[in-house]
């Protein structure tokens, strides 16, 4: 695949996959999702790769979810909602090696869900986490909700979705959403250290461990499937369309 929206780079035994849309705060469109799926699969089955690093270009954003400018009742690609997000989330979980989120800025909306799905997450002290779906007439009903509850606890997950607050990196660390926080200038070196430690371990043992962790929450994949079907219907309503329109017009939405 000829990548347009991402950068694929191999450093030592790690594949670095960077969403390269900084002008959009690394929000993903249909093309971006297709490229991420391809790149993660490519790294997953390369025996020379021990770990996969997922990040965003520039200092401002890791990923801010679906690109609202590519959303008009549905997004601009394939899949139930016009984005193959279920497949993207699944390839992260199905990769037989650790996927590390290198969080360099905003991890909002679908970006926060990607952090949730990744095996490990290392953040800059400038990173900010949170959900935005209910502000724009959307939700991520599956790994973004049910898996988040397993990661940070039921009450905290409901707070994240029902209030749409922003959480700095230290709070994300305290709630268990991420593994470590470092100064921005130390982020790459810290990620490299984690990748080197993983590369020294048995790849088969790591793969079995990851699969056994995932099996406990595998039913969430089914929740996501039915949830996305409901979401595709919700996107056709005036309520959802008002959320997108208000976002693009930079004004508060009028849902009621």
C-alpha atoms as a PDB file:
ATOM      1  CA  UNK A   1       0.000   0.000   0.000  1.00  0.00           C
ATOM      2  CA  UNK A   2       1.162   3.515  -0.832  1.00  0.00           C
ATOM      3  CA  UNK A   3       0.645   5.329   2.464  1.00  0.00           C
ATOM      4  CA  UNK A   4      -0.776   8.852   2.278  1.00  0.00           C
ATOM      5  CA  UNK A   5      -2.028   9.457   5.832  1.00  0.00           C
ATOM      6  CA  UNK A   6       0.522   7.544   7.897  1.00  0.00           C
ATOM      7  CA  UNK A   7       4.266   6.987   8.154  1.00  0.00           C
ATOM      8  CA  UNK A   8       5.681   3.477   8.628  1.00  0.00           C
ATOM      9  CA  UNK A   9       9.167   3.311  10.060  1.00  0.00           C
ATOM     10  CA  UNK A  10      11.257   0.514  11.592  1.00  0.00           C
ATOM     11  CA  UNK A  11      13.594   1.392  14.473  1.00  0.00           C
ATOM     12  CA  UNK A  12      15.665  -1.500  15.794  1.00  0.00           C
ATOM     13  CA  UNK A  13      13.030  -4.198  16.547  1.00  0.00           C
ATOM     14  CA  UNK A  14      10.047  -1.831  16.682  1.00  0.00           C
ATOM     15  CA  UNK A  15       7.663  -0.698  13.956  1.00  0.00           C
ATOM     16  CA  UNK A  16       6.615   2.927  14.431  1.00  0.00           C
ATOM     17  CA  UNK A  17       3.262   3.789  12.842  1.00  0.00           C
ATOM     18  CA  UNK A  18       2.518   7.511  12.832  1.00  0.00           C
ATOM     19  CA  UNK A  19      -0.783   9.125  11.900  1.00  0.00           C
ATOM     20  CA  UNK A  20       0.476  11.967   9.710  1.00  0.00           C
ATOM     21  CA  UNK A  21      -2.394  14.445   9.674  1.00  0.00           C
ATOM     22  CA  UNK A  22      -1.202  17.107  12.128  1.00  0.00           C
ATOM     23  CA  UNK A  23      -3.270  19.805  10.426  1.00  0.00           C
ATOM     24  CA  UNK A  24      -6.347  17.770  11.479  1.00  0.00           C
ATOM     25  CA  UNK A  25      -4.970  16.992  14.953  1.00  0.00           C
ATOM     26  CA  UNK A  26      -4.341  13.498  13.572  1.00  0.00           C
ATOM     27  CA  UNK A  27      -8.047  12.760  13.232  1.00  0.00           C
ATOM     28  CA  UNK A  28      -8.661   9.770  10.988  1.00  0.00           C
ATOM     29  CA  UNK A  29     -10.719   9.512   7.824  1.00  0.00           C
ATOM     30  CA  UNK A  30     -11.520   6.329   5.902  1.00  0.00           C
ATOM     31  CA  UNK A  31      -8.152   6.296   4.135  1.00  0.00           C
ATOM     32  CA  UNK A  32      -6.301   6.678   7.431  1.00  0.00           C
ATOM     33  CA  UNK A  33      -8.056   3.684   8.945  1.00  0.00           C
ATOM     34  CA  UNK A  34      -7.296   1.514   5.904  1.00  0.00           C
ATOM     35  CA  UNK A  35      -3.618   2.429   6.076  1.00  0.00           C
ATOM     36  CA  UNK A  36      -3.428   1.815   9.839  1.00  0.00           C
ATOM     37  CA  UNK A  37      -5.015  -1.617   9.420  1.00  0.00           C
ATOM     38  CA  UNK A  38      -2.572  -2.500   6.654  1.00  0.00           C
ATOM     39  CA  UNK A  39       0.470  -1.235   8.578  1.00  0.00           C
ATOM     40  CA  UNK A  40      -0.431  -2.953  11.848  1.00  0.00           C
ATOM     41  CA  UNK A  41      -0.994  -6.240  10.014  1.00  0.00           C
ATOM     42  CA  UNK A  42       2.314  -5.775   8.203  1.00  0.00           C
ATOM     43  CA  UNK A  43       4.179  -5.301  11.481  1.00  0.00           C
ATOM     44  CA  UNK A  44       2.222  -8.033  13.252  1.00  0.00           C
ATOM     45  CA  UNK A  45       3.550 -10.815  11.061  1.00  0.00           C
ATOM     46  CA  UNK A  46       7.085  -9.519  10.546  1.00  0.00           C
ATOM     47  CA  UNK A  47       9.228 -11.810  12.702  1.00  0.00           C
ATOM     48  CA  UNK A  48      11.896  -9.125  13.022  1.00  0.00           C
ATOM     49  CA  UNK A  49       9.436  -6.828  14.812  1.00  0.00           C
ATOM     50  CA  UNK A  50       9.057  -7.216  18.577  1.00  0.00           C
ATOM     51  CA  UNK A  51       6.768  -4.265  19.318  1.00  0.00           C
ATOM     52  CA  UNK A  52       4.513  -1.843  17.462  1.00  0.00           C
ATOM     53  CA  UNK A  53       4.432   1.846  18.381  1.00  0.00           C
ATOM     54  CA  UNK A  54       1.329   3.836  17.456  1.00  0.00           C
ATOM     55  CA  UNK A  55       1.576   7.633  17.581  1.00  0.00           C
ATOM     56  CA  UNK A  56       0.652  10.914  15.925  1.00  0.00           C
ATOM     57  CA  UNK A  57       2.730  13.454  14.015  1.00  0.00           C
ATOM     58  CA  UNK A  58       3.659  16.753  15.642  1.00  0.00           C
ATOM     59  CA  UNK A  59       3.534  17.857  19.280  1.00  0.00           C
ATOM     60  CA  UNK A  60      -0.177  18.684  19.527  1.00  0.00           C
ATOM     61  CA  UNK A  61      -2.082  15.439  19.071  1.00  0.00           C
ATOM     62  CA  UNK A  62      -1.814  11.666  19.293  1.00  0.00           C
ATOM     63  CA  UNK A  63      -5.222  11.243  17.651  1.00  0.00           C
ATOM     64  CA  UNK A  64      -8.564  13.021  17.984  1.00  0.00           C
ATOM     65  CA  UNK A  65     -10.798  10.325  16.507  1.00  0.00           C
ATOM     66  CA  UNK A  66     -12.952  10.547  13.406  1.00  0.00           C
ATOM     67  CA  UNK A  67     -12.455  13.559  11.145  1.00  0.00           C
ATOM     68  CA  UNK A  68     -15.726  15.469  11.445  1.00  0.00           C
ATOM     69  CA  UNK A  69     -15.065  17.254   8.164  1.00  0.00           C
ATOM     70  CA  UNK A  70     -15.387  13.830   6.494  1.00  0.00           C
ATOM     71  CA  UNK A  71     -18.689  13.083   8.243  1.00  0.00           C
ATOM     72  CA  UNK A  72     -22.060  13.756   6.625  1.00  0.00           C
ATOM     73  CA  UNK A  73     -24.443  11.234   8.135  1.00  0.00           C
ATOM     74  CA  UNK A  74     -21.642   8.696   7.670  1.00  0.00           C
ATOM     75  CA  UNK A  75     -17.899   8.900   7.236  1.00  0.00           C
ATOM     76  CA  UNK A  76     -16.069   8.691   3.924  1.00  0.00           C
ATOM     77  CA  UNK A  77     -14.963   5.060   3.889  1.00  0.00           C
ATOM     78  CA  UNK A  78     -16.322   1.534   4.223  1.00  0.00           C
ATOM     79  CA  UNK A  79     -17.688  -0.183   7.293  1.00  0.00           C
ATOM     80  CA  UNK A  80     -20.889   0.105   9.289  1.00  0.00           C
ATOM     81  CA  UNK A  81     -20.421   3.817  10.020  1.00  0.00           C
ATOM     82  CA  UNK A  82     -18.192   4.639   7.058  1.00  0.00           C
ATOM     83  CA  UNK A  83     -15.017   3.959   9.025  1.00  0.00           C
ATOM     84  CA  UNK A  84     -13.726   0.417   9.635  1.00  0.00           C
ATOM     85  CA  UNK A  85     -13.083   1.247  13.290  1.00  0.00           C
ATOM     86  CA  UNK A  86     -14.130  -2.175  14.560  1.00  0.00           C
ATOM     87  CA  UNK A  87     -11.498  -3.721  12.298  1.00  0.00           C
ATOM     88  CA  UNK A  88      -8.873  -1.174  13.357  1.00  0.00           C
ATOM     89  CA  UNK A  89      -9.509  -1.831  17.040  1.00  0.00           C
ATOM     90  CA  UNK A  90      -9.477  -5.577  16.403  1.00  0.00           C
ATOM     91  CA  UNK A  91      -6.130  -5.624  14.557  1.00  0.00           C
ATOM     92  CA  UNK A  92      -4.547  -3.833  17.522  1.00  0.00           C
ATOM     93  CA  UNK A  93      -5.874  -6.548  19.828  1.00  0.00           C
ATOM     94  CA  UNK A  94      -5.105  -9.382  17.395  1.00  0.00           C
ATOM     95  CA  UNK A  95      -1.490  -8.368  16.766  1.00  0.00           C
ATOM     96  CA  UNK A  96       0.646 -11.115  18.365  1.00  0.00           C
ATOM     97  CA  UNK A  97       2.989  -8.536  19.868  1.00  0.00           C
ATOM     98  CA  UNK A  98       2.554  -5.535  22.149  1.00  0.00           C
ATOM     99  CA  UNK A  99       1.128  -2.359  20.636  1.00  0.00           C
ATOM    100  CA  UNK A 100       2.359   0.713  22.517  1.00  0.00           C
ATOM    101  CA  UNK A 101       0.531   4.028  22.337  1.00  0.00           C
ATOM    102  CA  UNK A 102       3.069   6.864  22.290  1.00  0.00           C
ATOM    103  CA  UNK A 103       0.801   9.693  23.393  1.00  0.00           C
ATOM    104  CA  UNK A 104       2.325  13.027  22.434  1.00  0.00           C
ATOM    105  CA  UNK A 105      -0.674  15.349  22.863  1.00  0.00           C
ATOM    106  CA  UNK A 106      -4.461  15.174  22.627  1.00  0.00           C
ATOM    107  CA  UNK A 107      -5.908  11.647  22.819  1.00  0.00           C
ATOM    108  CA  UNK A 108      -9.550  12.567  22.459  1.00  0.00           C
ATOM    109  CA  UNK A 109     -12.606  10.656  21.222  1.00  0.00           C
ATOM    110  CA  UNK A 110     -11.554   7.792  18.975  1.00  0.00           C
ATOM    111  CA  UNK A 111      -7.945   8.587  19.888  1.00  0.00           C
ATOM    112  CA  UNK A 112      -8.735   7.848  23.519  1.00  0.00           C
ATOM    113  CA  UNK A 113     -10.274   4.554  22.383  1.00  0.00           C
ATOM    114  CA  UNK A 114      -7.077   3.643  20.517  1.00  0.00           C
ATOM    115  CA  UNK A 115      -5.121   4.225  23.749  1.00  0.00           C
ATOM    116  CA  UNK A 116      -7.608   1.975  25.550  1.00  0.00           C
ATOM    117  CA  UNK A 117      -7.150  -0.797  22.964  1.00  0.00           C
ATOM    118  CA  UNK A 118      -3.353  -0.640  22.942  1.00  0.00           C
ATOM    119  CA  UNK A 119      -1.520  -3.019  25.264  1.00  0.00           C
ATOM    120  CA  UNK A 120       0.631  -0.302  26.798  1.00  0.00           C
ATOM    121  CA  UNK A 121       0.638   3.500  26.759  1.00  0.00           C
ATOM    122  CA  UNK A 122       3.423   5.978  27.450  1.00  0.00           C
ATOM    123  CA  UNK A 123       2.490   9.638  27.522  1.00  0.00           C
ATOM    124  CA  UNK A 124       4.134  13.012  27.440  1.00  0.00           C
ATOM    125  CA  UNK A 125       3.324  15.179  30.442  1.00  0.00           C
ATOM    126  CA  UNK A 126       1.550  17.477  27.947  1.00  0.00           C
ATOM    127  CA  UNK A 127      -0.887  14.756  26.848  1.00  0.00           C
ATOM    128  CA  UNK A 128      -4.623  15.203  27.413  1.00  0.00           C
ATOM    129  CA  UNK A 129      -7.226  12.440  27.402  1.00  0.00           C
ATOM    130  CA  UNK A 130     -10.997  12.307  27.201  1.00  0.00           C
ATOM    131  CA  UNK A 131     -14.147  11.597  25.263  1.00  0.00           C
ATOM    132  CA  UNK A 132     -16.097  13.960  23.026  1.00  0.00           C
ATOM    133  CA  UNK A 133     -18.766  11.771  21.371  1.00  0.00           C
ATOM    134  CA  UNK A 134     -21.832  13.072  23.246  1.00  0.00           C
ATOM    135  CA  UNK A 135     -20.760  16.622  22.363  1.00  0.00           C
ATOM    136  CA  UNK A 136     -20.895  15.845  18.637  1.00  0.00           C
ATOM    137  CA  UNK A 137     -23.767  13.368  18.490  1.00  0.00           C
ATOM    138  CA  UNK A 138     -21.677  10.210  18.596  1.00  0.00           C
ATOM    139  CA  UNK A 139     -20.398   7.421  20.860  1.00  0.00           C
ATOM    140  CA  UNK A 140     -18.026   4.449  20.608  1.00  0.00           C
ATOM    141  CA  UNK A 141     -20.242   1.602  21.880  1.00  0.00           C
ATOM    142  CA  UNK A 142     -17.903  -1.321  22.408  1.00  0.00           C
ATOM    143  CA  UNK A 143     -14.210  -1.208  23.196  1.00  0.00           C
ATOM    144  CA  UNK A 144     -14.568   2.526  23.806  1.00  0.00           C
ATOM    145  CA  UNK A 145     -17.067   1.929  26.599  1.00  0.00           C
ATOM    146  CA  UNK A 146     -16.985  -1.653  27.896  1.00  0.00           C
ATOM    147  CA  UNK A 147     -13.220  -2.145  27.633  1.00  0.00           C
ATOM    148  CA  UNK A 148     -12.621   1.318  29.091  1.00  0.00           C
ATOM    149  CA  UNK A 149     -14.678   0.271  32.125  1.00  0.00           C
ATOM    150  CA  UNK A 150     -12.385  -2.718  32.625  1.00  0.00           C
ATOM    151  CA  UNK A 151      -9.311  -0.512  32.320  1.00  0.00           C
ATOM    152  CA  UNK A 152     -10.278   2.426  34.558  1.00  0.00           C
ATOM    153  CA  UNK A 153     -13.275   1.067  36.487  1.00  0.00           C
ATOM    154  CA  UNK A 154     -17.003   1.318  35.881  1.00  0.00           C
ATOM    155  CA  UNK A 155     -17.703   4.620  37.650  1.00  0.00           C
ATOM    156  CA  UNK A 156     -14.733   6.428  36.105  1.00  0.00           C
ATOM    157  CA  UNK A 157     -15.586   5.154  32.618  1.00  0.00           C
ATOM    158  CA  UNK A 158     -19.151   6.426  32.982  1.00  0.00           C
ATOM    159  CA  UNK A 159     -17.813   9.781  34.162  1.00  0.00           C
ATOM    160  CA  UNK A 160     -15.514  10.005  31.134  1.00  0.00           C
ATOM    161  CA  UNK A 161     -18.411   9.417  28.729  1.00  0.00           C
ATOM    162  CA  UNK A 162     -21.234  11.180  30.540  1.00  0.00           C
ATOM    163  CA  UNK A 163     -19.387  14.418  31.335  1.00  0.00           C
ATOM    164  CA  UNK A 164     -16.837  14.600  28.465  1.00  0.00           C
ATOM    165  CA  UNK A 165     -14.167  16.140  30.696  1.00  0.00           C
ATOM    166  CA  UNK A 166     -10.483  16.448  29.789  1.00  0.00           C
ATOM    167  CA  UNK A 167      -7.877  14.621  31.883  1.00  0.00           C
ATOM    168  CA  UNK A 168      -4.173  15.519  32.020  1.00  0.00           C
ATOM    169  CA  UNK A 169      -1.549  12.790  31.763  1.00  0.00           C
ATOM    170  CA  UNK A 170      -1.015  12.463  35.521  1.00  0.00           C
ATOM    171  CA  UNK A 171      -4.726  11.821  36.071  1.00  0.00           C
ATOM    172  CA  UNK A 172      -4.738   9.287  33.244  1.00  0.00           C
ATOM    173  CA  UNK A 173      -1.848   7.532  34.964  1.00  0.00           C
ATOM    174  CA  UNK A 174      -3.672   7.481  38.299  1.00  0.00           C
ATOM    175  CA  UNK A 175      -6.790   5.969  36.754  1.00  0.00           C
ATOM    176  CA  UNK A 176      -4.773   3.247  34.989  1.00  0.00           C
ATOM    177  CA  UNK A 177      -5.404   4.380  31.421  1.00  0.00           C
ATOM    178  CA  UNK A 178      -1.662   4.722  30.738  1.00  0.00           C
ATOM    179  CA  UNK A 179       1.516   3.134  32.100  1.00  0.00           C
ATOM    180  CA  UNK A 180       3.966   6.013  32.359  1.00  0.00           C
ATOM    181  CA  UNK A 181       4.329   9.783  32.045  1.00  0.00           C
ATOM    182  CA  UNK A 182       7.567  11.486  31.022  1.00  0.00           C
ATOM    183  CA  UNK A 183       8.709  14.939  29.941  1.00  0.00           C
ATOM    184  CA  UNK A 184       8.060  15.639  26.235  1.00  0.00           C
ATOM    185  CA  UNK A 185      11.772  15.592  25.393  1.00  0.00           C
ATOM    186  CA  UNK A 186      12.135  12.153  27.015  1.00  0.00           C
ATOM    187  CA  UNK A 187       9.165  10.487  25.315  1.00  0.00           C
ATOM    188  CA  UNK A 188      10.984   8.832  22.408  1.00  0.00           C
ATOM    189  CA  UNK A 189      13.810   7.565  24.597  1.00  0.00           C
ATOM    190  CA  UNK A 190      11.334   6.078  27.070  1.00  0.00           C
ATOM    191  CA  UNK A 191       9.388   4.339  24.301  1.00  0.00           C
ATOM    192  CA  UNK A 192      12.660   2.994  22.894  1.00  0.00           C
ATOM    193  CA  UNK A 193      13.542   1.576  26.335  1.00  0.00           C
ATOM    194  CA  UNK A 194      10.241  -0.236  26.624  1.00  0.00           C
ATOM    195  CA  UNK A 195      10.604  -1.640  23.106  1.00  0.00           C
ATOM    196  CA  UNK A 196      14.128  -2.854  23.881  1.00  0.00           C
ATOM    197  CA  UNK A 197      12.924  -4.635  27.017  1.00  0.00           C
ATOM    198  CA  UNK A 198      10.163  -6.352  25.040  1.00  0.00           C
ATOM    199  CA  UNK A 199      12.621  -7.364  22.299  1.00  0.00           C
ATOM    200  CA  UNK A 200      14.701  -9.249  24.883  1.00  0.00           C
ATOM    201  CA  UNK A 201      11.768 -11.499  25.820  1.00  0.00           C
ATOM    202  CA  UNK A 202      10.277 -14.618  24.241  1.00  0.00           C
ATOM    203  CA  UNK A 203       7.984 -13.505  21.391  1.00  0.00           C
ATOM    204  CA  UNK A 204       5.856 -16.628  21.661  1.00  0.00           C
ATOM    205  CA  UNK A 205       5.370 -16.194  25.398  1.00  0.00           C
ATOM    206  CA  UNK A 206       4.387 -12.561  24.812  1.00  0.00           C
ATOM    207  CA  UNK A 207       1.912 -13.573  22.083  1.00  0.00           C
ATOM    208  CA  UNK A 208       0.283 -16.209  24.293  1.00  0.00           C
ATOM    209  CA  UNK A 209       0.091 -13.808  27.223  1.00  0.00           C
ATOM    210  CA  UNK A 210      -1.537 -11.124  25.079  1.00  0.00           C
ATOM    211  CA  UNK A 211      -4.090 -13.536  23.644  1.00  0.00           C
ATOM    212  CA  UNK A 212      -4.975 -14.833  27.114  1.00  0.00           C
ATOM    213  CA  UNK A 213      -5.511 -11.278  28.379  1.00  0.00           C
ATOM    214  CA  UNK A 214      -7.766 -10.531  25.407  1.00  0.00           C
ATOM    215  CA  UNK A 215      -9.869 -13.679  25.703  1.00  0.00           C
ATOM    216  CA  UNK A 216     -11.309 -12.416  28.973  1.00  0.00           C
ATOM    217  CA  UNK A 217     -12.810  -9.389  27.193  1.00  0.00           C
ATOM    218  CA  UNK A 218     -13.420 -10.911  23.754  1.00  0.00           C
ATOM    219  CA  UNK A 219     -17.205 -10.641  24.123  1.00  0.00           C
ATOM    220  CA  UNK A 220     -16.791  -6.868  23.780  1.00  0.00           C
ATOM    221  CA  UNK A 221     -16.118  -7.407  20.079  1.00  0.00           C
ATOM    222  CA  UNK A 222     -19.751  -8.510  19.735  1.00  0.00           C
ATOM    223  CA  UNK A 223     -20.940  -5.516  21.747  1.00  0.00           C
ATOM    224  CA  UNK A 224     -19.027  -3.299  19.339  1.00  0.00           C
ATOM    225  CA  UNK A 225     -20.613  -4.946  16.310  1.00  0.00           C
ATOM    226  CA  UNK A 226     -24.200  -4.379  17.435  1.00  0.00           C
ATOM    227  CA  UNK A 227     -23.297  -0.979  18.854  1.00  0.00           C
ATOM    228  CA  UNK A 228     -21.945   0.234  15.520  1.00  0.00           C
ATOM    229  CA  UNK A 229     -25.149  -0.870  13.823  1.00  0.00           C
ATOM    230  CA  UNK A 230     -27.094   1.293  16.272  1.00  0.00           C
ATOM    231  CA  UNK A 231     -24.629   4.149  15.758  1.00  0.00           C
ATOM    232  CA  UNK A 232     -25.119   4.051  11.984  1.00  0.00           C
ATOM    233  CA  UNK A 233     -28.848   4.575  12.556  1.00  0.00           C
ATOM    234  CA  UNK A 234     -28.187   7.352  15.079  1.00  0.00           C
ATOM    235  CA  UNK A 235     -26.029   9.186  12.532  1.00  0.00           C
ATOM    236  CA  UNK A 236     -29.118   9.593  10.327  1.00  0.00           C
ATOM    237  CA  UNK A 237     -31.025  11.533  12.996  1.00  0.00           C
ATOM    238  CA  UNK A 238     -31.281  15.302  13.296  1.00  0.00           C
ATOM    239  CA  UNK A 239     -29.820  15.070  16.808  1.00  0.00           C
ATOM    240  CA  UNK A 240     -26.577  13.523  15.608  1.00  0.00           C
ATOM    241  CA  UNK A 241     -26.366  15.806  12.573  1.00  0.00           C
ATOM    242  CA  UNK A 242     -26.727  18.827  14.852  1.00  0.00           C
ATOM    243  CA  UNK A 243     -23.675  17.690  16.812  1.00  0.00           C
ATOM    244  CA  UNK A 244     -21.502  17.518  13.697  1.00  0.00           C
ATOM    245  CA  UNK A 245     -22.864  20.796  12.337  1.00  0.00           C
ATOM    246  CA  UNK A 246     -22.244  22.624  15.620  1.00  0.00           C
ATOM    247  CA  UNK A 247     -18.689  21.279  15.788  1.00  0.00           C
ATOM    248  CA  UNK A 248     -17.882  22.457  12.269  1.00  0.00           C
ATOM    249  CA  UNK A 249     -19.495  25.832  12.949  1.00  0.00           C
ATOM    250  CA  UNK A 250     -17.609  26.156  16.255  1.00  0.00           C
ATOM    251  CA  UNK A 251     -20.725  26.722  18.365  1.00  0.00           C
ATOM    252  CA  UNK A 252     -22.481  24.889  21.214  1.00  0.00           C
ATOM    253  CA  UNK A 253     -24.873  22.204  19.926  1.00  0.00           C
ATOM    254  CA  UNK A 254     -28.631  22.495  20.497  1.00  0.00           C
ATOM    255  CA  UNK A 255     -29.680  18.916  21.186  1.00  0.00           C
ATOM    256  CA  UNK A 256     -32.945  19.810  22.980  1.00  0.00           C
END
